[in-house]
N, C-alpha and C. Protein backbone atom coordinates (compact mmCIF):
# COMPACT_ATOMS: atom_id res chain seq x y z
N UNK A 1 -19.10 -33.53 3.89
CA UNK A 1 -18.51 -31.94 4.00
C UNK A 1 -18.68 -32.26 5.60
N UNK A 2 -17.44 -31.65 5.80
CA UNK A 2 -17.31 -31.14 7.52
C UNK A 2 -17.60 -30.07 8.18
N UNK A 3 -18.76 -29.99 9.03
CA UNK A 3 -18.81 -28.89 9.76
C UNK A 3 -18.87 -27.92 10.27
N UNK A 4 -19.28 -26.76 10.30
CA UNK A 4 -18.15 -25.37 10.53
C UNK A 4 -17.37 -25.93 12.43
N UNK A 5 -16.49 -25.47 12.43
CA UNK A 5 -16.08 -25.86 13.81
C UNK A 5 -14.03 -27.34 13.32
N UNK A 6 -15.34 -27.98 12.44
CA UNK A 6 -14.49 -29.25 12.70
C UNK A 6 -12.69 -28.46 12.36
N UNK A 7 -12.14 -29.56 13.24
CA UNK A 7 -10.83 -29.67 13.06
C UNK A 7 -10.54 -27.80 14.27
N UNK A 8 -11.35 -27.28 14.59
CA UNK A 8 -11.11 -26.23 15.51
C UNK A 8 -10.68 -26.40 17.36
N UNK A 9 -9.23 -25.67 17.35
CA UNK A 9 -9.05 -25.73 18.86
C UNK A 9 -8.69 -25.26 19.82
N UNK A 10 -9.28 -25.04 20.98
CA UNK A 10 -9.85 -23.54 21.59
C UNK A 10 -7.96 -23.28 21.27
N UNK A 11 -7.78 -21.69 21.81
CA UNK A 11 -6.73 -21.08 21.35
C UNK A 11 -6.43 -20.79 23.77
N UNK A 12 -4.58 -21.86 22.79
CA UNK A 12 -3.84 -22.03 24.35
C UNK A 12 -4.62 -23.37 24.83
N UNK A 13 -5.42 -23.76 24.58
CA UNK A 13 -5.89 -25.61 25.06
C UNK A 13 -4.85 -26.18 24.97
N UNK A 14 -4.71 -27.23 25.53
CA UNK A 14 -3.37 -28.00 24.86
C UNK A 14 -3.10 -28.88 23.41
N UNK A 15 -4.71 -28.96 23.08
CA UNK A 15 -4.76 -29.33 21.41
C UNK A 15 -4.05 -28.05 21.13
N UNK A 16 -4.48 -26.92 21.25
CA UNK A 16 -4.12 -25.27 20.09
C UNK A 16 -2.76 -25.17 19.95
N UNK A 17 -1.70 -25.67 22.10
CA UNK A 17 -0.43 -25.87 21.82
C UNK A 17 -0.35 -27.25 20.39
N UNK A 18 -0.67 -28.06 20.77
CA UNK A 18 0.05 -29.54 19.83
C UNK A 18 -0.40 -28.72 18.45
N UNK A 19 -1.07 -28.66 18.29
CA UNK A 19 -1.67 -27.82 15.92
C UNK A 19 -0.88 -26.75 16.09
N UNK A 20 -0.35 -26.10 17.08
CA UNK A 20 0.58 -24.92 16.94
C UNK A 20 2.00 -25.45 16.30
N UNK A 21 2.16 -26.58 17.06
CA UNK A 21 3.75 -27.14 17.30
C UNK A 21 3.58 -27.58 15.86
N UNK A 22 2.52 -28.29 14.72
CA UNK A 22 2.40 -29.19 13.95
C UNK A 22 2.83 -28.28 12.48
N UNK A 23 2.08 -26.52 13.52
CA UNK A 23 2.35 -25.19 11.89
C UNK A 23 3.54 -25.15 11.99
N UNK A 24 3.99 -25.03 13.10
CA UNK A 24 5.38 -23.91 12.58
C UNK A 24 6.74 -25.42 12.41
N UNK A 25 6.16 -26.32 12.29
CA UNK A 25 6.95 -27.39 11.70
C UNK A 25 7.87 -27.82 10.27
N UNK A 26 6.01 -27.15 9.94
CA UNK A 26 5.35 -27.13 8.20
C UNK A 26 5.89 -25.99 8.03
N UNK A 27 5.53 -24.56 8.52
CA UNK A 27 6.88 -23.60 7.83
C UNK A 27 8.08 -23.64 8.00
N UNK A 28 8.73 -24.38 9.04
CA UNK A 28 9.72 -23.97 8.73
C UNK A 28 10.26 -25.24 7.96
N UNK A 29 9.80 -26.06 7.19
CA UNK A 29 10.65 -27.00 6.78
C UNK A 29 9.38 -26.60 5.37
N UNK A 30 8.64 -25.99 5.25
CA UNK A 30 8.77 -25.53 3.55
C UNK A 30 9.41 -23.94 2.81
N UNK A 31 10.05 -23.36 4.13
CA UNK A 31 10.36 -22.47 3.96
C UNK A 31 12.13 -23.00 3.87
N UNK A 32 13.00 -22.92 4.43
CA UNK A 32 14.40 -23.36 4.29
C UNK A 32 15.29 -22.43 4.93
N UNK A 33 14.44 -22.11 5.78
CA UNK A 33 14.76 -20.10 6.07
C UNK A 33 16.51 -20.63 6.88
N UNK A 34 17.48 -20.30 6.23
CA UNK A 34 19.12 -20.45 7.15
C UNK A 34 19.16 -19.31 7.58
N UNK A 35 18.21 -18.52 7.76
CA UNK A 35 18.67 -17.65 8.41
C UNK A 35 18.26 -16.84 10.17
N UNK A 36 17.87 -18.53 9.63
CA UNK A 36 16.61 -18.33 11.57
C UNK A 36 18.26 -18.79 12.68
N UNK A 37 18.25 -17.90 13.88
CA UNK A 37 18.85 -17.75 14.77
C UNK A 37 19.04 -18.97 15.05
N UNK A 38 20.43 -20.22 15.47
CA UNK A 38 20.55 -21.31 15.31
C UNK A 38 19.85 -21.70 16.81
N UNK A 39 20.07 -20.38 18.18
CA UNK A 39 20.11 -21.07 19.47
C UNK A 39 19.48 -19.56 19.72
N UNK A 40 18.36 -19.68 20.25
CA UNK A 40 17.52 -18.17 20.54
C UNK A 40 15.79 -18.60 20.11
N UNK A 41 15.30 -17.39 21.66
CA UNK A 41 13.98 -17.51 21.75
C UNK A 41 13.82 -16.99 20.46
N UNK A 42 12.85 -17.15 19.73
CA UNK A 42 12.49 -16.69 18.51
C UNK A 42 10.98 -15.34 19.20
N UNK A 43 10.14 -15.86 19.64
CA UNK A 43 8.68 -15.58 20.48
C UNK A 43 8.02 -15.90 21.52
N UNK A 44 7.60 -14.77 22.64
CA UNK A 44 6.83 -15.43 23.06
C UNK A 44 5.49 -14.75 23.82
N UNK A 45 4.63 -15.72 24.37
CA UNK A 45 3.27 -14.50 24.82
C UNK A 45 3.14 -14.80 25.23
N UNK A 46 2.27 -14.25 26.31
CA UNK A 46 1.90 -14.38 27.73
C UNK A 46 0.08 -13.34 28.03
N UNK A 47 -0.78 -14.32 28.78
CA UNK A 47 -2.16 -13.71 27.96
C UNK A 47 -2.39 -14.43 30.04
N UNK A 48 -3.04 -13.55 30.42
CA UNK A 48 -3.79 -13.37 31.31
C UNK A 48 -5.41 -13.98 31.17
N UNK A 49 -5.80 -13.30 32.11
CA UNK A 49 -7.53 -14.15 32.10
C UNK A 49 -7.89 -15.14 31.44
N UNK A 50 -7.10 -15.82 31.10
CA UNK A 50 -7.58 -17.35 30.77
C UNK A 50 -8.12 -17.80 31.33
N UNK A 51 -9.43 -18.73 30.31
CA UNK A 51 -10.37 -19.77 31.13
C UNK A 51 -9.68 -21.02 31.55
N UNK A 52 -10.27 -21.75 33.41
CA UNK A 52 -9.57 -21.60 33.99
C UNK A 52 -9.88 -23.67 33.64
N UNK A 53 -11.06 -23.82 33.01
CA UNK A 53 -10.16 -24.46 32.24
C UNK A 53 -9.27 -25.35 31.04
N UNK A 54 -8.71 -24.16 30.46
CA UNK A 54 -7.52 -24.10 30.22
C UNK A 54 -5.74 -24.21 31.05
N UNK A 55 -6.15 -23.09 31.91
CA UNK A 55 -5.28 -23.00 32.92
C UNK A 55 -5.85 -21.90 33.97
N UNK A 56 -5.53 -23.72 34.82
CA UNK A 56 -6.22 -23.18 36.24
C UNK A 56 -6.02 -22.19 36.95
N UNK A 57 -4.48 -21.73 36.83
CA UNK A 57 -3.90 -19.55 37.14
C UNK A 57 -4.72 -18.56 36.90
N UNK A 58 -4.88 -18.80 35.24
CA UNK A 58 -5.53 -18.33 34.82
C UNK A 58 -4.84 -17.53 34.08
N UNK A 59 -3.38 -18.05 33.81
CA UNK A 59 -2.42 -17.27 33.12
C UNK A 59 -1.93 -18.55 32.47
N UNK A 60 -1.38 -18.42 30.69
CA UNK A 60 -0.98 -18.83 29.92
C UNK A 60 -0.22 -18.21 28.98
N UNK A 61 0.96 -19.38 28.60
CA UNK A 61 2.42 -17.99 27.44
C UNK A 61 2.23 -19.73 26.50
N UNK A 62 3.13 -19.22 25.29
CA UNK A 62 4.12 -19.80 24.64
C UNK A 62 5.30 -19.24 24.48
N UNK A 63 6.46 -19.98 23.64
CA UNK A 63 7.87 -20.03 23.16
C UNK A 63 8.26 -20.24 22.13
N UNK A 64 8.32 -19.73 21.01
CA UNK A 64 9.06 -20.61 19.86
C UNK A 64 10.69 -19.26 20.46
N UNK A 65 11.27 -20.88 20.47
CA UNK A 65 12.75 -21.42 20.00
C UNK A 65 13.08 -22.08 19.05
N UNK A 66 13.92 -22.21 18.59
CA UNK A 66 14.90 -22.21 18.12
C UNK A 66 16.56 -22.83 19.49
N UNK A 67 16.71 -23.68 18.28
CA UNK A 67 17.41 -24.88 18.98
C UNK A 67 19.22 -26.24 17.77
N UNK A 68 19.25 -25.43 17.73
CA UNK A 68 20.87 -25.58 16.83
C UNK A 68 20.20 -25.40 16.43
N UNK A 69 19.58 -24.73 15.77
CA UNK A 69 18.85 -24.57 13.96
C UNK A 69 16.97 -25.31 14.12
N UNK A 70 16.58 -25.44 14.63
CA UNK A 70 15.33 -26.27 14.92
C UNK A 70 14.77 -25.22 15.95
N UNK A 71 12.97 -25.22 15.40
CA UNK A 71 12.32 -24.79 16.26
C UNK A 71 11.21 -25.42 16.20
N UNK A 72 11.32 -25.11 18.24
CA UNK A 72 10.33 -25.41 19.22
C UNK A 72 9.24 -25.19 19.85
N UNK A 73 8.16 -25.73 19.89
CA UNK A 73 7.12 -24.85 20.74
C UNK A 73 7.28 -25.23 22.41
N UNK A 74 7.49 -24.43 23.33
CA UNK A 74 7.06 -24.48 24.41
C UNK A 74 5.87 -23.94 24.91
N UNK A 75 4.93 -24.16 26.21
CA UNK A 75 3.88 -24.54 26.38
C UNK A 75 4.51 -23.46 28.81
N UNK A 76 5.35 -21.91 27.89
CA UNK A 76 6.02 -21.42 28.57
C UNK A 76 6.18 -20.42 27.96
N UNK A 77 6.25 -18.86 29.44
CA UNK A 77 6.73 -18.20 28.28
C UNK A 77 8.31 -17.41 29.40
N UNK A 78 8.78 -17.15 28.19
CA UNK A 78 10.30 -16.36 27.71
C UNK A 78 10.45 -14.97 27.20
N UNK A 79 10.88 -14.45 29.45
CA UNK A 79 11.15 -13.20 29.48
C UNK A 79 12.33 -12.40 28.42
N UNK A 80 13.44 -13.99 28.09
CA UNK A 80 14.17 -13.64 26.93
C UNK A 80 14.30 -13.41 24.99
N UNK A 81 12.82 -13.00 25.42
CA UNK A 81 12.38 -13.83 24.04
C UNK A 81 13.16 -12.78 22.94
N UNK A 82 13.26 -12.72 21.72
CA UNK A 82 13.51 -11.27 20.47
C UNK A 82 12.19 -10.80 20.99
N UNK A 83 11.40 -10.99 20.58
CA UNK A 83 9.65 -10.23 21.16
C UNK A 83 8.82 -11.06 21.28
N UNK A 84 8.31 -9.97 22.51
CA UNK A 84 7.40 -10.86 23.06
C UNK A 84 6.12 -9.66 23.43
N UNK A 85 5.07 -10.75 23.28
CA UNK A 85 4.61 -10.13 23.29
C UNK A 85 2.85 -10.32 24.46
N UNK A 86 2.54 -9.69 25.10
CA UNK A 86 1.53 -9.49 26.43
C UNK A 86 0.23 -9.62 26.14
N UNK A 87 -0.77 -10.05 26.51
CA UNK A 87 -2.57 -9.12 26.41
C UNK A 87 -2.86 -10.20 27.03
N UNK A 88 -4.69 -9.81 27.17
CA UNK A 88 -5.73 -10.07 27.75
C UNK A 88 -7.07 -11.44 26.98
N UNK A 89 -6.25 -12.15 26.95
CA UNK A 89 -7.36 -13.47 26.83
C UNK A 89 -8.91 -13.30 25.64
N UNK A 90 -9.49 -13.08 26.41
CA UNK A 90 -10.63 -12.36 25.71
C UNK A 90 -10.51 -10.78 25.40
N UNK A 91 -9.30 -10.07 25.20
CA UNK A 91 -9.44 -9.22 24.32
C UNK A 91 -8.79 -9.89 23.15
N UNK A 92 -7.97 -10.98 23.24
CA UNK A 92 -6.50 -11.59 21.77
C UNK A 92 -8.04 -11.91 21.65
N UNK A 93 -8.69 -12.63 21.51
CA UNK A 93 -9.58 -14.06 20.57
C UNK A 93 -9.29 -13.31 19.40
N UNK A 94 -10.57 -12.60 19.38
CA UNK A 94 -10.55 -12.01 17.24
C UNK A 94 -9.66 -11.40 16.80
N UNK A 95 -8.20 -11.09 17.24
CA UNK A 95 -6.49 -11.31 16.89
C UNK A 95 -6.79 -12.68 16.50
N UNK A 96 -6.47 -13.47 17.51
CA UNK A 96 -6.53 -14.89 17.57
C UNK A 96 -6.64 -15.59 16.59
N UNK A 97 -7.42 -15.15 16.52
CA UNK A 97 -9.05 -16.30 15.26
C UNK A 97 -8.65 -15.73 14.32
N UNK A 98 -8.22 -14.45 13.61
CA UNK A 98 -8.49 -13.88 12.14
C UNK A 98 -7.60 -14.15 11.67
N UNK A 99 -7.90 -14.95 10.55
CA UNK A 99 -6.78 -15.79 9.43
C UNK A 99 -6.64 -14.78 8.25
N UNK A 100 -6.00 -14.06 8.06
CA UNK A 100 -6.26 -12.72 7.05
C UNK A 100 -5.98 -13.01 5.19
N UNK A 101 -5.65 -14.24 5.07
CA UNK A 101 -5.36 -15.82 3.83
C UNK A 101 -4.84 -14.86 3.33
N UNK A 102 -3.73 -14.25 4.35
CA UNK A 102 -2.83 -13.21 3.15
C UNK A 102 -2.32 -12.57 2.15
N UNK A 103 -3.75 -11.70 2.53
CA UNK A 103 -4.43 -10.67 1.88
C UNK A 103 -3.51 -9.59 2.18
N UNK A 104 -3.45 -8.73 1.52
CA UNK A 104 -2.22 -7.46 2.80
C UNK A 104 -3.06 -6.58 3.58
N UNK A 105 -4.98 -6.22 2.02
CA UNK A 105 -6.28 -4.94 3.03
C UNK A 105 -6.56 -6.09 4.69
N UNK A 106 -6.28 -6.98 4.37
CA UNK A 106 -7.33 -8.25 5.51
C UNK A 106 -5.92 -8.07 6.65
N UNK A 107 -5.13 -8.54 5.97
CA UNK A 107 -3.29 -8.67 7.17
C UNK A 107 -3.36 -6.90 8.00
N UNK A 108 -3.55 -5.71 7.49
CA UNK A 108 -3.74 -4.40 7.35
C UNK A 108 -4.61 -4.00 9.42
N UNK A 109 -5.97 -4.60 8.19
CA UNK A 109 -7.49 -4.96 9.23
C UNK A 109 -6.67 -5.49 10.77
N UNK A 110 -6.43 -6.81 10.29
CA UNK A 110 -5.78 -7.84 11.72
C UNK A 110 -4.26 -6.94 12.38
N UNK A 111 -3.78 -5.94 11.76
CA UNK A 111 -2.53 -4.89 12.44
C UNK A 111 -2.97 -3.31 13.53
N UNK A 112 -4.68 -3.20 12.40
CA UNK A 112 -5.25 -2.44 13.32
C UNK A 112 -5.91 -2.98 14.40
N UNK A 113 -6.31 -3.56 14.99
CA UNK A 113 -7.28 -4.68 15.49
C UNK A 113 -6.41 -4.44 17.03
N UNK A 114 -5.47 -5.08 16.43
CA UNK A 114 -3.87 -5.41 17.76
C UNK A 114 -3.45 -3.93 17.65
N UNK A 115 -2.99 -3.03 17.04
CA UNK A 115 -2.78 -1.12 17.67
C UNK A 115 -3.32 -1.09 18.61
N UNK A 116 -5.18 -1.89 18.11
CA UNK A 116 -6.38 -1.20 18.96
C UNK A 116 -5.61 -0.77 20.70
N UNK A 117 -5.88 -2.76 19.94
CA UNK A 117 -5.01 -3.24 21.92
C UNK A 117 -4.51 -2.56 22.36
N UNK A 118 -3.63 -2.44 21.85
CA UNK A 118 -2.64 -2.61 22.40
C UNK A 118 -2.16 -0.10 22.66
N UNK A 119 -3.04 1.02 22.11
CA UNK A 119 -3.64 1.22 22.13
C UNK A 119 -4.65 1.93 23.98
N UNK A 120 -5.20 0.37 23.51
CA UNK A 120 -6.46 0.34 24.99
C UNK A 120 -5.69 0.40 26.03
N UNK A 121 -4.01 -0.41 26.20
CA UNK A 121 -3.75 -0.73 27.85
C UNK A 121 -4.03 -3.32 27.66
N UNK A 122 -4.27 -3.29 26.57
CA UNK A 122 -5.46 -4.89 26.90
C UNK A 122 -3.94 -5.63 26.04
N UNK A 123 -3.78 -5.62 25.14
CA UNK A 123 -2.17 -5.59 24.78
C UNK A 123 -0.68 -4.90 25.01
N UNK A 124 0.32 -5.50 24.58
CA UNK A 124 1.76 -4.91 24.39
C UNK A 124 2.60 -6.37 24.09
N UNK A 125 3.42 -5.34 22.93
CA UNK A 125 4.58 -5.18 21.31
C UNK A 125 5.58 -5.00 21.46
N UNK A 126 7.02 -5.73 22.41
CA UNK A 126 7.75 -5.41 22.68
C UNK A 126 8.98 -6.33 21.68
N UNK A 127 9.56 -5.60 21.67
CA UNK A 127 10.90 -6.32 21.43
C UNK A 127 11.49 -6.03 19.09
N UNK A 128 12.52 -6.73 18.63
CA UNK A 128 12.95 -6.58 17.55
C UNK A 128 12.31 -7.87 17.01
N UNK A 129 11.12 -7.05 17.01
CA UNK A 129 9.50 -8.00 15.39
C UNK A 129 11.17 -7.95 13.48
N UNK A 130 11.59 -6.91 13.12
CA UNK A 130 11.86 -6.85 11.78
C UNK A 130 13.59 -8.21 12.49
N UNK A 131 13.76 -8.75 13.10
CA UNK A 131 14.83 -8.88 13.00
C UNK A 131 14.76 -11.28 13.06
N UNK A 132 13.16 -11.28 13.24
CA UNK A 132 13.00 -12.31 13.36
C UNK A 132 12.36 -13.18 11.63
N UNK A 133 12.60 -15.02 11.83
CA UNK A 133 12.70 -15.03 10.30
C UNK A 133 11.50 -14.87 9.80
N UNK A 134 11.51 -14.74 8.28
CA UNK A 134 10.28 -14.34 7.20
C UNK A 134 9.52 -15.92 7.34
N UNK A 135 9.77 -17.08 8.07
CA UNK A 135 9.11 -18.45 8.21
C UNK A 135 7.65 -18.09 9.12
N UNK A 136 8.47 -16.30 10.14
CA UNK A 136 8.44 -16.47 11.35
C UNK A 136 6.41 -15.88 10.64
N UNK A 137 7.14 -15.06 9.32
CA UNK A 137 5.24 -14.50 9.78
C UNK A 137 4.08 -15.41 8.27
N UNK A 138 3.91 -16.54 8.41
CA UNK A 138 3.73 -17.55 8.28
C UNK A 138 2.38 -17.56 9.51
N UNK A 139 3.11 -17.87 10.06
CA UNK A 139 2.54 -18.84 11.33
C UNK A 139 0.85 -18.36 11.99
N UNK A 140 0.86 -17.01 11.47
CA UNK A 140 -0.34 -16.29 12.61
C UNK A 140 -1.75 -17.26 11.41
N UNK A 141 -1.35 -16.53 10.94
CA UNK A 141 -2.67 -17.43 9.66
C UNK A 141 -3.41 -18.68 8.95
N UNK A 142 -1.70 -19.77 9.53
CA UNK A 142 -2.14 -20.91 9.76
C UNK A 142 -2.82 -21.13 10.59
N UNK A 143 -1.99 -20.60 12.05
CA UNK A 143 -2.76 -21.38 13.09
C UNK A 143 -4.08 -20.74 13.23
N UNK A 144 -4.53 -19.13 12.67
CA UNK A 144 -5.62 -18.68 12.96
C UNK A 144 -6.68 -19.76 12.59
N UNK A 145 -6.72 -20.47 11.27
CA UNK A 145 -7.77 -21.31 10.49
C UNK A 145 -7.37 -22.13 11.65
N UNK A 146 -6.73 -22.58 12.60
CA UNK A 146 -7.72 -23.17 13.09
C UNK A 146 -7.69 -23.36 14.55
N UNK A 147 -7.81 -22.01 15.59
CA UNK A 147 -8.36 -20.99 16.30
C UNK A 147 -10.08 -21.49 16.65
N UNK A 148 -10.70 -21.72 17.23
CA UNK A 148 -11.83 -21.44 17.90
C UNK A 148 -12.02 -20.85 18.82
């Protein structure tokens, strides 16, 4: 039996980026979602206060882009994304690790946590969330389960 933390990767580390690429590919393939834009940056997240062993500059982010109908993950911020999230690394860790396991009550709890960060100024969220393709909704729990 595997011990605790096996298979988990540190949030925003190179290993996490690779794990998230795999999650994106799996969720997109499973959804067969024809409603995804052919060419657009769907989501971009940026973080400050990132530990120096992850990002020497203290900042790191990622973007999920659609190109010719295929999603890809890039370890860079895109301010033109349909949805943009920004936050302070340590403050966002509990949200990044929160796996609701698809349970509506737990998802509400996570949304309340995130809402509290927005209210306190430790996170920002802008853009057209309702225009994101449905398969994006499955990403958070899948990568949260892998996030140390």
